[in-house]
C-alpha cells in the first residue's frame, strides 16, 4: 500500500507592530545606540 503525502496550504503571519532599531535603542535608556543595535545585533526592524 502506498501513502501519498502533500501540502494542502501554507500561510504567513506578520504582526502589525514593528519596532525599529531606534525604538530598541530608546528602550535601553541609552545603553545601546541605534548604530550598535544595527551593526552588532543585526536588527533593523523587529516584528513584535
PDB file of N, CA and C in Angstrom:
ATOM      1  N   UNK A   1       0.848  -1.183   0.000  1.00  0.00           N
ATOM      2  CA  UNK A   1       0.000   0.000   0.000  1.00  0.00           C
ATOM      3  C   UNK A   1       0.891   1.243   0.000  1.00  0.00           C
ATOM      4  N   UNK A   2       0.643   2.153  -0.916  1.00  0.00           N
ATOM      5  CA  UNK A   2       1.419   3.384  -0.995  1.00  0.00           C
ATOM      6  C   UNK A   2       0.643   4.518  -0.337  1.00  0.00           C
ATOM      7  N   UNK A   3       1.373   5.345   0.385  1.00  0.00           N
ATOM      8  CA  UNK A   3       0.786   6.523   1.017  1.00  0.00           C
ATOM      9  C   UNK A   3       1.286   7.758   0.274  1.00  0.00           C
ATOM     10  N   UNK A   4       0.407   8.670   0.022  1.00  0.00           N
ATOM     11  CA  UNK A   4       0.786   9.907  -0.642  1.00  0.00           C
ATOM     12  C   UNK A   4       0.770  11.046   0.372  1.00  0.00           C
ATOM     13  N   UNK A   5       1.801  11.838   0.336  1.00  0.00           N
ATOM     14  CA  UNK A   5       1.934  12.954   1.256  1.00  0.00           C
ATOM     15  C   UNK A   5       1.994  14.231   0.430  1.00  0.00           C
ATOM     16  N   UNK A   6       1.283  15.245   0.864  1.00  0.00           N
ATOM     17  CA  UNK A   6       1.300  16.510   0.145  1.00  0.00           C
ATOM     18  C   UNK A   6       1.065  17.671   1.086  1.00  0.00           C
ATOM     19  N   UNK A   7       1.215  18.851   0.566  1.00  0.00           N
ATOM     20  CA  UNK A   7       0.980  20.079   1.325  1.00  0.00           C
ATOM     21  C   UNK A   7      -0.349  20.658   0.855  1.00  0.00           C
ATOM     22  N   UNK A   8      -1.246  20.859   1.798  1.00  0.00           N
ATOM     23  CA  UNK A   8      -2.556  21.389   1.450  1.00  0.00           C
ATOM     24  C   UNK A   8      -2.560  22.904   1.339  1.00  0.00           C
ATOM     25  N   UNK A   9      -1.699  23.556   2.095  1.00  0.00           N
ATOM     26  CA  UNK A   9      -1.661  25.013   2.062  1.00  0.00           C
ATOM     27  C   UNK A   9      -0.546  25.519   2.952  1.00  0.00           C
ATOM     28  N   UNK A  10      -0.336  26.802   2.883  1.00  0.00           N
ATOM     29  CA  UNK A  10       0.663  27.428   3.734  1.00  0.00           C
ATOM     30  C   UNK A  10       0.214  28.851   4.016  1.00  0.00           C
ATOM     31  N   UNK A  11       0.788  29.438   5.018  1.00  0.00           N
ATOM     32  CA  UNK A  11       0.407  30.798   5.379  1.00  0.00           C
ATOM     33  C   UNK A  11       1.565  31.521   6.021  1.00  0.00           C
ATOM     34  N   UNK A  12       1.364  32.789   6.223  1.00  0.00           N
ATOM     35  CA  UNK A  12       2.375  33.627   6.859  1.00  0.00           C
ATOM     36  C   UNK A  12       1.654  34.613   7.771  1.00  0.00           C
ATOM     37  N   UNK A  13       2.268  34.896   8.899  1.00  0.00           N
ATOM     38  CA  UNK A  13       1.701  35.858   9.837  1.00  0.00           C
ATOM     39  C   UNK A  13       2.762  36.888  10.179  1.00  0.00           C
ATOM     40  N   UNK A  14       2.459  38.133   9.942  1.00  0.00           N
ATOM     41  CA  UNK A  14       3.340  39.225  10.339  1.00  0.00           C
ATOM     42  C   UNK A  14       2.566  40.131  11.291  1.00  0.00           C
ATOM     43  N   UNK A  15       3.055  40.306  12.503  1.00  0.00           N
ATOM     44  CA  UNK A  15       2.369  41.170  13.452  1.00  0.00           C
ATOM     45  C   UNK A  15       2.246  42.606  12.928  1.00  0.00           C
ATOM     46  N   UNK A  16       1.248  43.300  13.410  1.00  0.00           N
ATOM     47  CA  UNK A  16       1.019  44.681  12.993  1.00  0.00           C
ATOM     48  C   UNK A  16       2.067  45.639  13.546  1.00  0.00           C
ATOM     49  N   UNK A  17       2.617  45.328  14.694  1.00  0.00           N
ATOM     50  CA  UNK A  17       3.560  46.235  15.352  1.00  0.00           C
ATOM     51  C   UNK A  17       4.995  45.943  14.919  1.00  0.00           C
ATOM     52  N   UNK A  18       5.728  46.995  14.586  1.00  0.00           N
ATOM     53  CA  UNK A  18       7.133  46.882  14.192  1.00  0.00           C
ATOM     54  C   UNK A  18       7.954  47.796  15.095  1.00  0.00           C
ATOM     55  N   UNK A  19       9.046  47.241  15.621  1.00  0.00           N
ATOM     56  CA  UNK A  19       9.964  48.018  16.449  1.00  0.00           C
ATOM     57  C   UNK A  19      11.247  48.228  15.650  1.00  0.00           C
ATOM     58  N   UNK A  20      11.645  49.473  15.476  1.00  0.00           N
ATOM     59  CA  UNK A  20      12.852  49.772  14.717  1.00  0.00           C
ATOM     60  C   UNK A  20      14.075  49.753  15.631  1.00  0.00           C
ATOM     61  N   UNK A  21      15.244  49.847  15.019  1.00  0.00           N
ATOM     62  CA  UNK A  21      16.487  49.890  15.787  1.00  0.00           C
ATOM     63  C   UNK A  21      16.500  51.107  16.708  1.00  0.00           C
ATOM     64  N   UNK A  22      15.943  52.217  16.243  1.00  0.00           N
ATOM     65  CA  UNK A  22      15.856  53.417  17.086  1.00  0.00           C
ATOM     66  C   UNK A  22      14.957  53.202  18.285  1.00  0.00           C
ATOM     67  N   UNK A  23      13.848  52.500  18.088  1.00  0.00           N
ATOM     68  CA  UNK A  23      12.943  52.183  19.201  1.00  0.00           C
ATOM     69  C   UNK A  23      13.641  51.301  20.236  1.00  0.00           C
ATOM     70  N   UNK A  24      14.398  50.322  19.753  1.00  0.00           N
ATOM     71  CA  UNK A  24      15.128  49.434  20.665  1.00  0.00           C
ATOM     72  C   UNK A  24      16.175  50.226  21.440  1.00  0.00           C
ATOM     73  N   UNK A  25      16.891  51.119  20.752  1.00  0.00           N
ATOM     74  CA  UNK A  25      17.909  51.935  21.421  1.00  0.00           C
ATOM     75  C   UNK A  25      17.280  52.815  22.503  1.00  0.00           C
ATOM     76  N   UNK A  26      16.128  53.417  22.210  1.00  0.00           N
ATOM     77  CA  UNK A  26      15.446  54.246  23.215  1.00  0.00           C
ATOM     78  C   UNK A  26      14.946  53.403  24.388  1.00  0.00           C
ATOM     79  N   UNK A  27      14.548  52.167  24.121  1.00  0.00           N
ATOM     80  CA  UNK A  27      14.059  51.284  25.190  1.00  0.00           C
ATOM     81  C   UNK A  27      15.175  50.868  26.143  1.00  0.00           C
ATOM     82  N   UNK A  28      16.434  50.942  25.697  1.00  0.00           N
ATOM     83  CA  UNK A  28      17.556  50.589  26.570  1.00  0.00           C
ATOM     84  C   UNK A  28      18.054  51.774  27.385  1.00  0.00           C
ATOM     85  N   UNK A  29      17.373  52.917  27.254  1.00  0.00           N
ATOM     86  CA  UNK A  29      17.738  54.127  28.011  1.00  0.00           C
ATOM     87  C   UNK A  29      19.188  54.542  27.765  1.00  0.00           C
ATOM     88  N   UNK A  30      19.631  54.464  26.521  1.00  0.00           N
ATOM     89  CA  UNK A  30      20.964  54.933  26.179  1.00  0.00           C
ATOM     90  C   UNK A  30      22.073  53.920  26.333  1.00  0.00           C
ATOM     91  N   UNK A  31      21.772  52.712  26.790  1.00  0.00           N
ATOM     92  CA  UNK A  31      22.814  51.694  26.921  1.00  0.00           C
ATOM     93  C   UNK A  31      23.301  51.269  25.536  1.00  0.00           C
ATOM     94  N   UNK A  32      22.371  51.107  24.594  1.00  0.00           N
ATOM     95  CA  UNK A  32      22.694  50.754  23.210  1.00  0.00           C
ATOM     96  C   UNK A  32      22.357  51.926  22.312  1.00  0.00           C
ATOM     97  N   UNK A  33      23.259  52.258  21.410  1.00  0.00           N
ATOM     98  CA  UNK A  33      22.991  53.267  20.379  1.00  0.00           C
ATOM     99  C   UNK A  33      22.302  52.576  19.201  1.00  0.00           C
ATOM    100  N   UNK A  34      21.575  53.358  18.410  1.00  0.00           N
ATOM    101  CA  UNK A  34      20.871  52.788  17.256  1.00  0.00           C
ATOM    102  C   UNK A  34      21.847  52.088  16.302  1.00  0.00           C
ATOM    103  N   UNK A  35      23.003  52.690  16.073  1.00  0.00           N
ATOM    104  CA  UNK A  35      24.000  52.094  15.186  1.00  0.00           C
ATOM    105  C   UNK A  35      24.497  50.758  15.729  1.00  0.00           C
ATOM    106  N   UNK A  36      24.652  50.653  17.059  1.00  0.00           N
ATOM    107  CA  UNK A  36      25.114  49.408  17.668  1.00  0.00           C
ATOM    108  C   UNK A  36      24.058  48.315  17.534  1.00  0.00           C
ATOM    109  N   UNK A  37      22.797  48.674  17.656  1.00  0.00           N
ATOM    110  CA  UNK A  37      21.720  47.688  17.506  1.00  0.00           C
ATOM    111  C   UNK A  37      21.750  47.107  16.095  1.00  0.00           C
ATOM    112  N   UNK A  38      21.972  47.969  15.104  1.00  0.00           N
ATOM    113  CA  UNK A  38      22.005  47.508  13.717  1.00  0.00           C
ATOM    114  C   UNK A  38      23.275  46.714  13.427  1.00  0.00           C
ATOM    115  N   UNK A  39      24.431  47.248  13.799  1.00  0.00           N
ATOM    116  CA  UNK A  39      25.700  46.626  13.442  1.00  0.00           C
ATOM    117  C   UNK A  39      26.024  45.390  14.272  1.00  0.00           C
ATOM    118  N   UNK A  40      25.810  45.450  15.583  1.00  0.00           N
ATOM    119  CA  UNK A  40      26.212  44.332  16.439  1.00  0.00           C
ATOM    120  C   UNK A  40      25.134  43.274  16.576  1.00  0.00           C
ATOM    121  N   UNK A  41      23.870  43.694  16.614  1.00  0.00           N
ATOM    122  CA  UNK A  41      22.788  42.730  16.770  1.00  0.00           C
ATOM    123  C   UNK A  41      22.158  42.353  15.432  1.00  0.00           C
ATOM    124  N   UNK A  42      22.382  43.176  14.413  1.00  0.00           N
ATOM    125  CA  UNK A  42      21.834  42.877  13.104  1.00  0.00           C
ATOM    126  C   UNK A  42      20.335  43.126  12.989  1.00  0.00           C
ATOM    127  N   UNK A  43      19.806  43.987  13.862  1.00  0.00           N
ATOM    128  CA  UNK A  43      18.369  44.259  13.870  1.00  0.00           C
ATOM    129  C   UNK A  43      18.118  45.643  13.277  1.00  0.00           C
ATOM    130  N   UNK A  44      17.386  45.669  12.167  1.00  0.00           N
ATOM    131  CA  UNK A  44      16.964  46.935  11.565  1.00  0.00           C
ATOM    132  C   UNK A  44      15.509  47.184  11.939  1.00  0.00           C
ATOM    133  N   UNK A  45      14.689  46.158  11.776  1.00  0.00           N
ATOM    134  CA  UNK A  45      13.287  46.197  12.182  1.00  0.00           C
ATOM    135  C   UNK A  45      12.949  44.869  12.835  1.00  0.00           C
ATOM    136  N   UNK A  46      12.074  44.901  13.810  1.00  0.00           N
ATOM    137  CA  UNK A  46      11.684  43.700  14.538  1.00  0.00           C
ATOM    138  C   UNK A  46      10.166  43.671  14.642  1.00  0.00           C
ATOM    139  N   UNK A  47       9.554  42.604  14.151  1.00  0.00           N
ATOM    140  CA  UNK A  47       8.100  42.457  14.281  1.00  0.00           C
ATOM    141  C   UNK A  47       7.794  41.976  15.688  1.00  0.00           C
ATOM    142  N   UNK A  48       6.892  42.694  16.356  1.00  0.00           N
ATOM    143  CA  UNK A  48       6.543  42.325  17.728  1.00  0.00           C
ATOM    144  C   UNK A  48       5.054  42.122  17.868  1.00  0.00           C
TER     145      UNK A  48
END
